Amino acid sequence: MDYIGQFEDDLMDLIAIIQKDNPKAMLIVGGHSSGGGLSIRFAGSRYSEKANAYLLIAPFLKYNAPTMRPNSGGWARPYTGRIIGLTILNNVGIHWFDYLTAIEFNMPEEARDGTETLSYSHRLIKSYAPRNYEKDLRAITQPLLVVVGNEDDAFIADQFEPVISQYTSVQVKLLAGLTHMGVVVRPEIRPVIKKWLEGLGKL
């Protein structure tokens, strides 16, 4: 990653390729955890209207949002002092040190397959996170589905609906017995998404 904000530019490049070959296709932007945060960031960008709908699975909002457990329930070890210092530098236009590690993740061994990224640079976490989740959520006027496991060990599941609904119209589904990683790999999520997609087709 070369600069903060590259992810949404890269997403727009991919969207342009898709729309070139499929100009009438419905485009849904979505992601899990940090990817959900990126989707919210995308919604708050100049590209927001390119999406027809948003699908967020246990999305990251902000380190101190009401949805957060302390240290993501033990999943994350943020370098808080470093993040604060680098953010101050960014605010005056200095990005020389954005490559430094800003957070490490303690992903459970059973959830690993060897392809995961267990630490993020400052540049990476800033590119994943919404600029301002309240403002970015307000930019979503398209259909929005949020799915969270009610045993999410990183986020507080029952806080998503009251938090997000303050800023935009949202459908929140809590899935019984599913953890932060379980919600993306267990089959229980499939009929929820299928029903939502069928509803989109009727719009």
N, C-alpha and C. Protein backbone atom coordinates (compact mmCIF):
# COMPACT_ATOMS: atom_id res chain seq x y z
N MET A 1 0.84 -1.18 0.00
CA MET A 1 0.00 0.00 0.00
C MET A 1 0.88 1.23 0.00
N ASP A 2 0.59 2.15 -0.91
CA ASP A 2 1.45 3.32 -1.09
C ASP A 2 0.98 4.55 -0.33
N TYR A 3 -0.32 4.65 -0.01
CA TYR A 3 -0.82 5.86 0.64
C TYR A 3 -2.14 5.55 1.36
N ILE A 4 -2.45 6.35 2.36
CA ILE A 4 -3.71 6.20 3.08
C ILE A 4 -4.87 6.54 2.13
N GLY A 5 -5.82 5.62 2.03
CA GLY A 5 -6.95 5.81 1.13
C GLY A 5 -6.83 5.05 -0.17
N GLN A 6 -5.73 4.31 -0.33
CA GLN A 6 -5.54 3.58 -1.59
C GLN A 6 -6.60 2.50 -1.79
N PHE A 7 -7.06 1.89 -0.69
CA PHE A 7 -8.04 0.81 -0.82
C PHE A 7 -9.29 1.24 -1.57
N GLU A 8 -9.85 2.41 -1.21
CA GLU A 8 -11.09 2.81 -1.89
C GLU A 8 -10.83 3.16 -3.34
N ASP A 9 -9.64 3.68 -3.65
CA ASP A 9 -9.29 3.94 -5.05
C ASP A 9 -9.15 2.62 -5.81
N ASP A 10 -8.53 1.63 -5.17
CA ASP A 10 -8.40 0.32 -5.80
C ASP A 10 -9.76 -0.33 -6.02
N LEU A 11 -10.65 -0.20 -5.04
CA LEU A 11 -12.01 -0.73 -5.19
C LEU A 11 -12.72 -0.08 -6.37
N MET A 12 -12.53 1.22 -6.53
CA MET A 12 -13.17 1.92 -7.64
C MET A 12 -12.60 1.46 -8.97
N ASP A 13 -11.31 1.17 -9.01
CA ASP A 13 -10.70 0.63 -10.23
C ASP A 13 -11.34 -0.72 -10.59
N LEU A 14 -11.54 -1.56 -9.56
CA LEU A 14 -12.17 -2.87 -9.79
C LEU A 14 -13.61 -2.70 -10.25
N ILE A 15 -14.33 -1.77 -9.63
CA ILE A 15 -15.72 -1.51 -10.02
C ILE A 15 -15.80 -1.06 -11.47
N ALA A 16 -14.87 -0.22 -11.89
CA ALA A 16 -14.87 0.26 -13.27
C ALA A 16 -14.69 -0.89 -14.25
N ILE A 17 -13.85 -1.86 -13.90
CA ILE A 17 -13.63 -3.03 -14.76
C ILE A 17 -14.91 -3.86 -14.83
N ILE A 18 -15.54 -4.09 -13.67
CA ILE A 18 -16.78 -4.88 -13.62
C ILE A 18 -17.88 -4.21 -14.44
N GLN A 19 -18.03 -2.91 -14.27
CA GLN A 19 -19.11 -2.20 -14.95
C GLN A 19 -18.88 -2.08 -16.45
N LYS A 20 -17.63 -2.13 -16.85
CA LYS A 20 -17.34 -2.09 -18.29
C LYS A 20 -17.94 -3.29 -19.00
N ASP A 21 -17.81 -4.47 -18.37
CA ASP A 21 -18.33 -5.70 -18.97
C ASP A 21 -19.76 -6.01 -18.55
N ASN A 22 -20.19 -5.43 -17.42
CA ASN A 22 -21.53 -5.71 -16.90
C ASN A 22 -22.19 -4.40 -16.47
N PRO A 23 -22.51 -3.54 -17.41
CA PRO A 23 -22.99 -2.19 -17.07
C PRO A 23 -24.30 -2.15 -16.29
N LYS A 24 -25.10 -3.21 -16.36
CA LYS A 24 -26.39 -3.21 -15.67
C LYS A 24 -26.38 -4.06 -14.39
N ALA A 25 -25.22 -4.57 -14.04
CA ALA A 25 -25.13 -5.44 -12.87
C ALA A 25 -25.34 -4.66 -11.58
N MET A 26 -26.00 -5.29 -10.61
CA MET A 26 -26.13 -4.69 -9.28
C MET A 26 -24.80 -4.83 -8.56
N LEU A 27 -24.32 -3.75 -7.96
CA LEU A 27 -23.03 -3.75 -7.29
C LEU A 27 -23.24 -3.64 -5.78
N ILE A 28 -22.76 -4.65 -5.05
CA ILE A 28 -22.85 -4.66 -3.59
C ILE A 28 -21.45 -4.56 -3.03
N VAL A 29 -21.21 -3.58 -2.19
CA VAL A 29 -19.93 -3.41 -1.52
C VAL A 29 -20.07 -3.95 -0.10
N GLY A 30 -19.16 -4.82 0.30
CA GLY A 30 -19.27 -5.40 1.63
C GLY A 30 -17.96 -5.93 2.14
N GLY A 31 -17.95 -6.29 3.42
CA GLY A 31 -16.75 -6.84 4.00
C GLY A 31 -16.98 -7.25 5.44
N HIS A 32 -16.01 -7.99 5.98
CA HIS A 32 -16.06 -8.49 7.35
C HIS A 32 -15.01 -7.78 8.19
N SER A 33 -15.40 -7.36 9.39
CA SER A 33 -14.49 -6.76 10.36
C SER A 33 -13.82 -5.51 9.80
N SER A 34 -12.50 -5.54 9.59
CA SER A 34 -11.83 -4.38 8.98
C SER A 34 -12.36 -4.13 7.57
N GLY A 35 -12.71 -5.20 6.87
CA GLY A 35 -13.29 -5.05 5.53
C GLY A 35 -14.64 -4.35 5.58
N GLY A 36 -15.38 -4.56 6.66
CA GLY A 36 -16.62 -3.83 6.86
C GLY A 36 -16.36 -2.35 7.11
N GLY A 37 -15.29 -2.08 7.85
CA GLY A 37 -14.89 -0.69 8.06
C GLY A 37 -14.52 -0.01 6.77
N LEU A 38 -13.81 -0.74 5.91
CA LEU A 38 -13.46 -0.21 4.59
C LEU A 38 -14.71 0.08 3.77
N SER A 39 -15.70 -0.79 3.86
CA SER A 39 -16.95 -0.57 3.12
C SER A 39 -17.64 0.71 3.58
N ILE A 40 -17.61 0.96 4.90
CA ILE A 40 -18.19 2.20 5.43
C ILE A 40 -17.38 3.39 4.96
N ARG A 41 -16.06 3.26 4.95
CA ARG A 41 -15.19 4.33 4.46
C ARG A 41 -15.50 4.63 2.99
N PHE A 42 -15.70 3.57 2.20
CA PHE A 42 -16.04 3.73 0.79
C PHE A 42 -17.35 4.50 0.65
N ALA A 43 -18.31 4.18 1.53
CA ALA A 43 -19.61 4.86 1.48
C ALA A 43 -19.48 6.35 1.74
N GLY A 44 -18.49 6.73 2.52
CA GLY A 44 -18.28 8.13 2.83
C GLY A 44 -17.37 8.85 1.87
N SER A 45 -16.91 8.14 0.85
CA SER A 45 -15.99 8.72 -0.12
C SER A 45 -16.75 9.29 -1.32
N ARG A 46 -16.01 9.83 -2.24
CA ARG A 46 -16.63 10.39 -3.46
C ARG A 46 -17.20 9.30 -4.35
N TYR A 47 -16.95 8.03 -4.01
CA TYR A 47 -17.42 6.91 -4.82
C TYR A 47 -18.73 6.31 -4.30
N SER A 48 -19.29 6.84 -3.26
CA SER A 48 -20.41 6.22 -2.55
C SER A 48 -21.55 5.76 -3.46
N GLU A 49 -21.93 6.59 -4.41
CA GLU A 49 -23.09 6.29 -5.25
C GLU A 49 -22.84 5.18 -6.26
N LYS A 50 -21.61 4.69 -6.33
CA LYS A 50 -21.31 3.59 -7.24
C LYS A 50 -21.89 2.27 -6.73
N ALA A 51 -22.19 2.20 -5.44
CA ALA A 51 -22.73 0.97 -4.85
C ALA A 51 -24.25 1.00 -4.87
N ASN A 52 -24.85 -0.16 -5.14
CA ASN A 52 -26.31 -0.30 -5.08
C ASN A 52 -26.79 -0.77 -3.72
N ALA A 53 -25.88 -1.36 -2.93
CA ALA A 53 -26.23 -1.85 -1.59
C ALA A 53 -24.93 -2.12 -0.83
N TYR A 54 -25.08 -2.24 0.49
CA TYR A 54 -23.92 -2.51 1.35
C TYR A 54 -24.23 -3.69 2.27
N LEU A 55 -23.24 -4.59 2.40
CA LEU A 55 -23.35 -5.76 3.27
C LEU A 55 -22.17 -5.74 4.24
N LEU A 56 -22.44 -5.53 5.51
CA LEU A 56 -21.39 -5.43 6.52
C LEU A 56 -21.51 -6.59 7.50
N ILE A 57 -20.45 -7.36 7.65
CA ILE A 57 -20.44 -8.50 8.55
C ILE A 57 -19.50 -8.17 9.72
N ALA A 58 -20.08 -8.02 10.91
CA ALA A 58 -19.33 -7.63 12.11
C ALA A 58 -18.32 -6.52 11.79
N PRO A 59 -18.80 -5.37 11.32
CA PRO A 59 -17.89 -4.33 10.84
C PRO A 59 -17.20 -3.54 11.95
N PHE A 60 -15.96 -3.16 11.69
CA PHE A 60 -15.23 -2.25 12.57
C PHE A 60 -15.72 -0.83 12.33
N LEU A 61 -16.06 -0.12 13.41
CA LEU A 61 -16.50 1.27 13.30
C LEU A 61 -15.39 2.23 13.73
N LYS A 62 -14.93 2.08 14.96
CA LYS A 62 -13.87 2.92 15.50
C LYS A 62 -13.38 2.27 16.78
N TYR A 63 -12.13 2.57 17.14
CA TYR A 63 -11.53 1.92 18.31
C TYR A 63 -12.33 2.18 19.60
N ASN A 64 -13.03 3.30 19.67
CA ASN A 64 -13.80 3.62 20.88
C ASN A 64 -15.31 3.67 20.64
N ALA A 65 -15.77 3.06 19.56
CA ALA A 65 -17.21 3.00 19.28
C ALA A 65 -17.90 2.12 20.32
N PRO A 66 -19.19 2.33 20.56
CA PRO A 66 -19.92 1.52 21.54
C PRO A 66 -19.94 0.03 21.19
N THR A 67 -19.63 -0.31 19.96
CA THR A 67 -19.62 -1.71 19.53
C THR A 67 -18.35 -2.45 19.92
N MET A 68 -17.34 -1.73 20.41
CA MET A 68 -16.03 -2.34 20.66
C MET A 68 -15.91 -2.95 22.05
N ARG A 69 -15.33 -4.14 22.11
CA ARG A 69 -14.86 -4.68 23.38
C ARG A 69 -13.46 -4.12 23.63
N PRO A 70 -13.02 -4.01 24.89
CA PRO A 70 -11.66 -3.54 25.16
C PRO A 70 -10.63 -4.41 24.45
N ASN A 71 -9.72 -3.75 23.72
CA ASN A 71 -8.71 -4.48 22.94
C ASN A 71 -9.32 -5.55 22.05
N SER A 72 -10.49 -5.26 21.53
CA SER A 72 -11.20 -6.20 20.66
C SER A 72 -11.34 -7.57 21.31
N GLY A 73 -11.63 -7.58 22.61
CA GLY A 73 -11.82 -8.84 23.32
C GLY A 73 -10.55 -9.66 23.43
N GLY A 74 -9.39 -9.00 23.39
CA GLY A 74 -8.11 -9.70 23.47
C GLY A 74 -7.55 -10.07 22.11
N TRP A 75 -8.28 -9.76 21.05
CA TRP A 75 -7.83 -10.07 19.70
C TRP A 75 -6.72 -9.15 19.23
N ALA A 76 -6.74 -7.91 19.73
CA ALA A 76 -5.85 -6.90 19.17
C ALA A 76 -4.98 -6.26 20.25
N ARG A 77 -3.75 -5.89 19.84
CA ARG A 77 -2.87 -5.13 20.72
C ARG A 77 -2.43 -3.88 19.96
N PRO A 78 -3.18 -2.80 20.14
CA PRO A 78 -2.83 -1.57 19.43
C PRO A 78 -1.65 -0.86 20.08
N TYR A 79 -0.81 -0.25 19.27
CA TYR A 79 0.27 0.58 19.77
C TYR A 79 -0.29 2.00 19.90
N THR A 80 -1.02 2.22 20.98
CA THR A 80 -1.81 3.44 21.11
C THR A 80 -0.97 4.71 21.03
N GLY A 81 0.13 4.74 21.76
CA GLY A 81 0.99 5.92 21.72
C GLY A 81 1.52 6.21 20.33
N ARG A 82 1.90 5.16 19.64
CA ARG A 82 2.41 5.33 18.27
C ARG A 82 1.31 5.84 17.34
N ILE A 83 0.12 5.27 17.47
CA ILE A 83 -1.00 5.70 16.62
C ILE A 83 -1.30 7.18 16.84
N ILE A 84 -1.32 7.59 18.11
CA ILE A 84 -1.58 9.00 18.42
C ILE A 84 -0.51 9.89 17.80
N GLY A 85 0.76 9.50 17.99
CA GLY A 85 1.85 10.29 17.45
C GLY A 85 1.82 10.38 15.94
N LEU A 86 1.57 9.26 15.28
CA LEU A 86 1.53 9.26 13.81
C LEU A 86 0.32 10.04 13.29
N THR A 87 -0.79 9.97 14.02
CA THR A 87 -1.97 10.74 13.61
C THR A 87 -1.70 12.24 13.70
N ILE A 88 -1.00 12.65 14.75
CA ILE A 88 -0.63 14.06 14.88
C ILE A 88 0.25 14.48 13.71
N LEU A 89 1.22 13.64 13.36
CA LEU A 89 2.09 13.95 12.22
C LEU A 89 1.27 14.01 10.93
N ASN A 90 0.35 13.07 10.75
CA ASN A 90 -0.50 13.08 9.55
C ASN A 90 -1.29 14.37 9.44
N ASN A 91 -1.76 14.86 10.58
CA ASN A 91 -2.59 16.07 10.59
C ASN A 91 -1.83 17.31 10.14
N VAL A 92 -0.51 17.25 10.20
CA VAL A 92 0.29 18.38 9.69
C VAL A 92 1.00 18.02 8.38
N GLY A 93 0.51 16.92 7.76
CA GLY A 93 0.98 16.56 6.44
C GLY A 93 2.22 15.69 6.37
N ILE A 94 2.63 15.12 7.50
CA ILE A 94 3.83 14.27 7.52
C ILE A 94 3.41 12.80 7.51
N HIS A 95 3.87 12.07 6.50
CA HIS A 95 3.51 10.66 6.34
C HIS A 95 4.75 9.76 6.22
N TRP A 96 5.90 10.26 6.63
CA TRP A 96 7.15 9.51 6.48
C TRP A 96 7.15 8.19 7.24
N PHE A 97 6.42 8.13 8.35
CA PHE A 97 6.50 6.96 9.23
C PHE A 97 5.24 6.10 9.21
N ASP A 98 4.41 6.28 8.21
CA ASP A 98 3.15 5.54 8.13
C ASP A 98 3.35 4.04 7.95
N TYR A 99 4.58 3.63 7.61
CA TYR A 99 4.86 2.21 7.41
C TYR A 99 5.00 1.46 8.73
N LEU A 100 5.15 2.17 9.84
CA LEU A 100 5.39 1.52 11.13
C LEU A 100 4.18 0.71 11.58
N THR A 101 4.45 -0.41 12.27
CA THR A 101 3.37 -1.26 12.79
C THR A 101 2.56 -0.50 13.82
N ALA A 102 1.23 -0.56 13.69
CA ALA A 102 0.35 0.16 14.60
C ALA A 102 -0.53 -0.77 15.43
N ILE A 103 -0.70 -2.01 14.98
CA ILE A 103 -1.54 -2.95 15.73
C ILE A 103 -1.13 -4.37 15.38
N GLU A 104 -1.19 -5.26 16.37
CA GLU A 104 -0.94 -6.69 16.16
C GLU A 104 -2.19 -7.46 16.57
N PHE A 105 -2.43 -8.59 15.90
CA PHE A 105 -3.63 -9.38 16.15
C PHE A 105 -3.28 -10.75 16.72
N ASN A 106 -4.05 -11.16 17.72
CA ASN A 106 -3.90 -12.47 18.33
C ASN A 106 -5.01 -13.37 17.80
N MET A 107 -4.94 -13.68 16.52
CA MET A 107 -5.97 -14.52 15.91
C MET A 107 -5.85 -15.95 16.43
N PRO A 108 -6.96 -16.56 16.84
CA PRO A 108 -6.90 -17.93 17.33
C PRO A 108 -6.28 -18.88 16.31
N GLU A 109 -5.50 -19.82 16.79
CA GLU A 109 -4.82 -20.77 15.91
C GLU A 109 -5.80 -21.50 15.01
N GLU A 110 -6.96 -21.84 15.55
CA GLU A 110 -7.93 -22.61 14.76
C GLU A 110 -8.53 -21.80 13.62
N ALA A 111 -8.36 -20.49 13.66
CA ALA A 111 -8.89 -19.64 12.59
C ALA A 111 -7.84 -19.31 11.54
N ARG A 112 -6.61 -19.79 11.74
CA ARG A 112 -5.53 -19.46 10.82
C ARG A 112 -5.35 -20.51 9.73
N ASP A 113 -4.95 -20.05 8.54
CA ASP A 113 -4.62 -20.98 7.46
C ASP A 113 -3.29 -20.64 6.81
N GLY A 114 -2.55 -19.71 7.39
CA GLY A 114 -1.25 -19.33 6.86
C GLY A 114 -1.26 -18.13 5.95
N THR A 115 -2.44 -17.65 5.59
CA THR A 115 -2.53 -16.51 4.67
C THR A 115 -2.88 -15.21 5.39
N GLU A 116 -3.16 -15.29 6.70
CA GLU A 116 -3.63 -14.11 7.42
C GLU A 116 -2.50 -13.09 7.66
N THR A 117 -2.91 -11.85 7.84
CA THR A 117 -2.00 -10.77 8.19
C THR A 117 -2.19 -10.48 9.67
N LEU A 118 -1.14 -10.67 10.46
CA LEU A 118 -1.25 -10.58 11.91
C LEU A 118 -0.79 -9.25 12.47
N SER A 119 -0.39 -8.33 11.62
CA SER A 119 -0.08 -6.98 12.06
C SER A 119 -0.39 -6.01 10.94
N TYR A 120 -0.80 -4.81 11.31
CA TYR A 120 -1.13 -3.76 10.35
C TYR A 120 -0.22 -2.56 10.57
N SER A 121 0.21 -1.96 9.50
CA SER A 121 0.92 -0.69 9.59
C SER A 121 -0.08 0.43 9.87
N HIS A 122 0.44 1.57 10.26
CA HIS A 122 -0.43 2.74 10.47
C HIS A 122 -1.17 3.08 9.17
N ARG A 123 -0.47 2.99 8.08
CA ARG A 123 -1.07 3.29 6.77
C ARG A 123 -2.23 2.34 6.49
N LEU A 124 -2.06 1.08 6.86
CA LEU A 124 -3.09 0.07 6.59
C LEU A 124 -4.32 0.26 7.48
N ILE A 125 -4.11 0.50 8.77
CA ILE A 125 -5.29 0.64 9.64
C ILE A 125 -6.07 1.90 9.29
N LYS A 126 -5.38 2.96 8.90
CA LYS A 126 -6.08 4.18 8.52
C LYS A 126 -6.87 3.98 7.23
N SER A 127 -6.36 3.15 6.33
CA SER A 127 -7.05 2.91 5.06
C SER A 127 -8.26 2.01 5.23
N TYR A 128 -8.23 1.13 6.23
CA TYR A 128 -9.37 0.27 6.51
C TYR A 128 -10.49 1.00 7.26
N ALA A 129 -10.11 1.89 8.16
CA ALA A 129 -11.09 2.47 9.08
C ALA A 129 -11.89 3.59 8.43
N PRO A 130 -13.16 3.70 8.80
CA PRO A 130 -13.93 4.87 8.35
C PRO A 130 -13.23 6.16 8.77
N ARG A 131 -13.34 7.19 7.95
CA ARG A 131 -12.76 8.48 8.33
C ARG A 131 -13.48 9.02 9.57
N ASN A 132 -14.81 8.93 9.51
CA ASN A 132 -15.69 9.35 10.60
C ASN A 132 -16.93 8.48 10.44
N TYR A 133 -17.06 7.47 11.29
CA TYR A 133 -18.11 6.47 11.01
C TYR A 133 -19.51 7.06 11.04
N GLU A 134 -19.73 8.06 11.89
CA GLU A 134 -21.06 8.68 11.93
C GLU A 134 -21.38 9.35 10.59
N LYS A 135 -20.43 10.13 10.10
CA LYS A 135 -20.63 10.84 8.83
C LYS A 135 -20.69 9.86 7.66
N ASP A 136 -19.81 8.85 7.68
CA ASP A 136 -19.79 7.88 6.58
C ASP A 136 -21.07 7.06 6.54
N LEU A 137 -21.61 6.68 7.71
CA LEU A 137 -22.86 5.94 7.73
C LEU A 137 -24.03 6.79 7.23
N ARG A 138 -24.01 8.07 7.53
CA ARG A 138 -25.07 8.96 7.04
C ARG A 138 -25.09 9.02 5.52
N ALA A 139 -23.94 8.75 4.90
CA ALA A 139 -23.86 8.80 3.44
C ALA A 139 -24.52 7.60 2.78
N ILE A 140 -24.83 6.57 3.57
CA ILE A 140 -25.45 5.36 3.00
C ILE A 140 -26.95 5.57 2.87
N THR A 141 -27.41 5.69 1.65
CA THR A 141 -28.84 5.78 1.36
C THR A 141 -29.34 4.50 0.68
N GLN A 142 -28.42 3.62 0.34
CA GLN A 142 -28.75 2.36 -0.31
C GLN A 142 -29.16 1.33 0.75
N PRO A 143 -29.77 0.20 0.33
CA PRO A 143 -30.07 -0.87 1.27
C PRO A 143 -28.80 -1.31 2.01
N LEU A 144 -28.95 -1.54 3.32
CA LEU A 144 -27.81 -1.89 4.17
C LEU A 144 -28.19 -3.04 5.08
N LEU A 145 -27.40 -4.12 5.01
CA LEU A 145 -27.57 -5.27 5.91
C LEU A 145 -26.31 -5.41 6.75
N VAL A 146 -26.50 -5.54 8.06
CA VAL A 146 -25.41 -5.81 8.99
C VAL A 146 -25.69 -7.15 9.66
N VAL A 147 -24.71 -8.06 9.61
CA VAL A 147 -24.86 -9.38 10.22
C VAL A 147 -23.74 -9.57 11.25
N VAL A 148 -24.11 -9.98 12.46
CA VAL A 148 -23.15 -10.17 13.53
C VAL A 148 -23.52 -11.42 14.32
N GLY A 149 -22.52 -12.18 14.73
CA GLY A 149 -22.78 -13.30 15.63
C GLY A 149 -23.02 -12.79 17.04
N ASN A 150 -24.00 -13.35 17.74
CA ASN A 150 -24.30 -12.82 19.07
C ASN A 150 -23.28 -13.24 20.11
N GLU A 151 -22.32 -14.09 19.73
CA GLU A 151 -21.20 -14.44 20.60
C GLU A 151 -19.90 -13.88 20.05
N ASP A 152 -20.00 -12.77 19.31
CA ASP A 152 -18.81 -12.11 18.77
C ASP A 152 -17.85 -11.77 19.92
N ASP A 153 -16.61 -12.24 19.80
CA ASP A 153 -15.64 -12.04 20.87
C ASP A 153 -14.77 -10.81 20.66
N ALA A 154 -14.99 -10.07 19.58
CA ALA A 154 -14.26 -8.83 19.34
C ALA A 154 -15.16 -7.61 19.52
N PHE A 155 -16.43 -7.74 19.13
CA PHE A 155 -17.37 -6.63 19.19
C PHE A 155 -18.58 -6.98 20.06
N ILE A 156 -19.31 -5.96 20.50
CA ILE A 156 -20.51 -6.15 21.31
C ILE A 156 -21.70 -6.18 20.36
N ALA A 157 -22.19 -7.36 20.09
CA ALA A 157 -23.15 -7.57 19.00
C ALA A 157 -24.41 -6.73 19.13
N ASP A 158 -24.98 -6.65 20.33
CA ASP A 158 -26.27 -5.97 20.45
C ASP A 158 -26.17 -4.45 20.43
N GLN A 159 -24.96 -3.93 20.23
CA GLN A 159 -24.79 -2.48 20.10
C GLN A 159 -24.87 -2.01 18.64
N PHE A 160 -24.77 -2.91 17.69
CA PHE A 160 -24.74 -2.49 16.30
C PHE A 160 -26.03 -1.80 15.85
N GLU A 161 -27.17 -2.39 16.20
CA GLU A 161 -28.43 -1.80 15.74
C GLU A 161 -28.66 -0.41 16.32
N PRO A 162 -28.54 -0.22 17.65
CA PRO A 162 -28.77 1.13 18.18
C PRO A 162 -27.75 2.16 17.71
N VAL A 163 -26.53 1.74 17.48
CA VAL A 163 -25.51 2.69 17.02
C VAL A 163 -25.74 3.07 15.56
N ILE A 164 -25.81 2.08 14.69
CA ILE A 164 -25.89 2.37 13.25
C ILE A 164 -27.22 3.03 12.88
N SER A 165 -28.29 2.62 13.54
CA SER A 165 -29.61 3.16 13.19
C SER A 165 -29.76 4.64 13.52
N GLN A 166 -28.83 5.19 14.29
CA GLN A 166 -28.84 6.63 14.55
C GLN A 166 -28.51 7.44 13.30
N TYR A 167 -27.81 6.78 12.36
CA TYR A 167 -27.24 7.52 11.23
C TYR A 167 -27.81 7.12 9.87
N THR A 168 -28.38 5.93 9.77
CA THR A 168 -28.91 5.47 8.49
C THR A 168 -29.93 4.36 8.71
N SER A 169 -30.69 4.06 7.68
CA SER A 169 -31.64 2.95 7.75
C SER A 169 -30.88 1.65 7.60
N VAL A 170 -31.08 0.72 8.51
CA VAL A 170 -30.29 -0.51 8.50
C VAL A 170 -31.14 -1.70 8.95
N GLN A 171 -30.83 -2.85 8.38
CA GLN A 171 -31.39 -4.12 8.82
C GLN A 171 -30.26 -4.88 9.50
N VAL A 172 -30.41 -5.17 10.79
CA VAL A 172 -29.37 -5.87 11.55
C VAL A 172 -29.86 -7.27 11.90
N LYS A 173 -29.03 -8.26 11.64
CA LYS A 173 -29.35 -9.64 11.98
C LYS A 173 -28.28 -10.18 12.93
N LEU A 174 -28.71 -10.65 14.10
CA LEU A 174 -27.82 -11.30 15.06
C LEU A 174 -28.00 -12.80 14.95
N LEU A 175 -26.90 -13.51 14.72
CA LEU A 175 -26.96 -14.96 14.53
C LEU A 175 -26.50 -15.67 15.79
N ALA A 176 -27.36 -16.51 16.32
CA ALA A 176 -27.12 -17.18 17.60
C ALA A 176 -25.92 -18.11 17.53
N GLY A 177 -25.09 -18.03 18.55
CA GLY A 177 -24.00 -18.98 18.71
C GLY A 177 -22.77 -18.74 17.86
N LEU A 178 -22.74 -17.65 17.11
CA LEU A 178 -21.61 -17.42 16.21
C LEU A 178 -20.65 -16.37 16.75
N THR A 179 -19.36 -16.65 16.60
CA THR A 179 -18.30 -15.75 17.05
C THR A 179 -17.90 -14.80 15.92
N HIS A 180 -16.85 -14.01 16.18
CA HIS A 180 -16.40 -13.04 15.20
C HIS A 180 -15.94 -13.70 13.90
N MET A 181 -15.21 -14.80 14.01
CA MET A 181 -14.78 -15.52 12.81
C MET A 181 -15.84 -16.50 12.35
N GLY A 182 -16.59 -17.06 13.29
CA GLY A 182 -17.60 -18.04 12.93
C GLY A 182 -18.67 -17.49 12.01
N VAL A 183 -18.98 -16.20 12.15
CA VAL A 183 -20.05 -15.61 11.35
C VAL A 183 -19.73 -15.61 9.86
N VAL A 184 -18.46 -15.69 9.49
CA VAL A 184 -18.13 -15.69 8.06
C VAL A 184 -17.87 -17.08 7.50
N VAL A 185 -17.73 -18.07 8.38
CA VAL A 185 -17.41 -19.41 7.87
C VAL A 185 -18.52 -20.43 8.12
N ARG A 186 -19.43 -20.14 9.04
CA ARG A 186 -20.49 -21.09 9.35
C ARG A 186 -21.66 -20.93 8.39
N PRO A 187 -22.38 -22.01 8.10
CA PRO A 187 -23.45 -21.95 7.10
C PRO A 187 -24.67 -21.15 7.52
N GLU A 188 -24.80 -20.82 8.80
CA GLU A 188 -26.00 -20.11 9.26
C GLU A 188 -26.18 -18.75 8.59
N ILE A 189 -25.10 -18.16 8.13
CA ILE A 189 -25.21 -16.83 7.53
C ILE A 189 -25.79 -16.89 6.11
N ARG A 190 -25.68 -18.03 5.47
CA ARG A 190 -26.06 -18.11 4.05
C ARG A 190 -27.53 -17.80 3.79
N PRO A 191 -28.48 -18.40 4.52
CA PRO A 191 -29.89 -18.07 4.22
C PRO A 191 -30.24 -16.62 4.51
N VAL A 192 -29.54 -16.00 5.47
CA VAL A 192 -29.79 -14.59 5.78
C VAL A 192 -29.42 -13.71 4.60
N ILE A 193 -28.23 -13.97 4.05
CA ILE A 193 -27.78 -13.18 2.90
C ILE A 193 -28.62 -13.50 1.67
N LYS A 194 -28.97 -14.78 1.50
CA LYS A 194 -29.79 -15.18 0.35
C LYS A 194 -31.13 -14.45 0.36
N LYS A 195 -31.78 -14.41 1.51
CA LYS A 195 -33.08 -13.73 1.62
C LYS A 195 -32.95 -12.24 1.33
N TRP A 196 -31.87 -11.63 1.84
CA TRP A 196 -31.65 -10.20 1.60
C TRP A 196 -31.41 -9.93 0.12
N LEU A 197 -30.60 -10.77 -0.52
CA LEU A 197 -30.32 -10.60 -1.95
C LEU A 197 -31.60 -10.75 -2.77
N GLU A 198 -32.44 -11.71 -2.38
CA GLU A 198 -33.72 -11.87 -3.09
C GLU A 198 -34.58 -10.62 -2.95
N GLY A 199 -34.53 -10.01 -1.77
CA GLY A 199 -35.28 -8.77 -1.56
C GLY A 199 -34.75 -7.63 -2.41
N LEU A 200 -33.43 -7.58 -2.59
CA LEU A 200 -32.84 -6.54 -3.44
C LEU A 200 -33.31 -6.68 -4.87
N GLY A 201 -33.50 -7.92 -5.30
CA GLY A 201 -33.94 -8.16 -6.67
C GLY A 201 -35.34 -7.66 -6.94
N LYS A 202 -36.10 -7.40 -5.87
CA LYS A 202 -37.48 -6.93 -6.01
C LYS A 202 -37.59 -5.41 -5.95
N LEU A 203 -36.45 -4.74 -5.68
CA LEU A 203 -36.48 -3.28 -5.58
C LEU A 203 -36.70 -2.64 -6.93
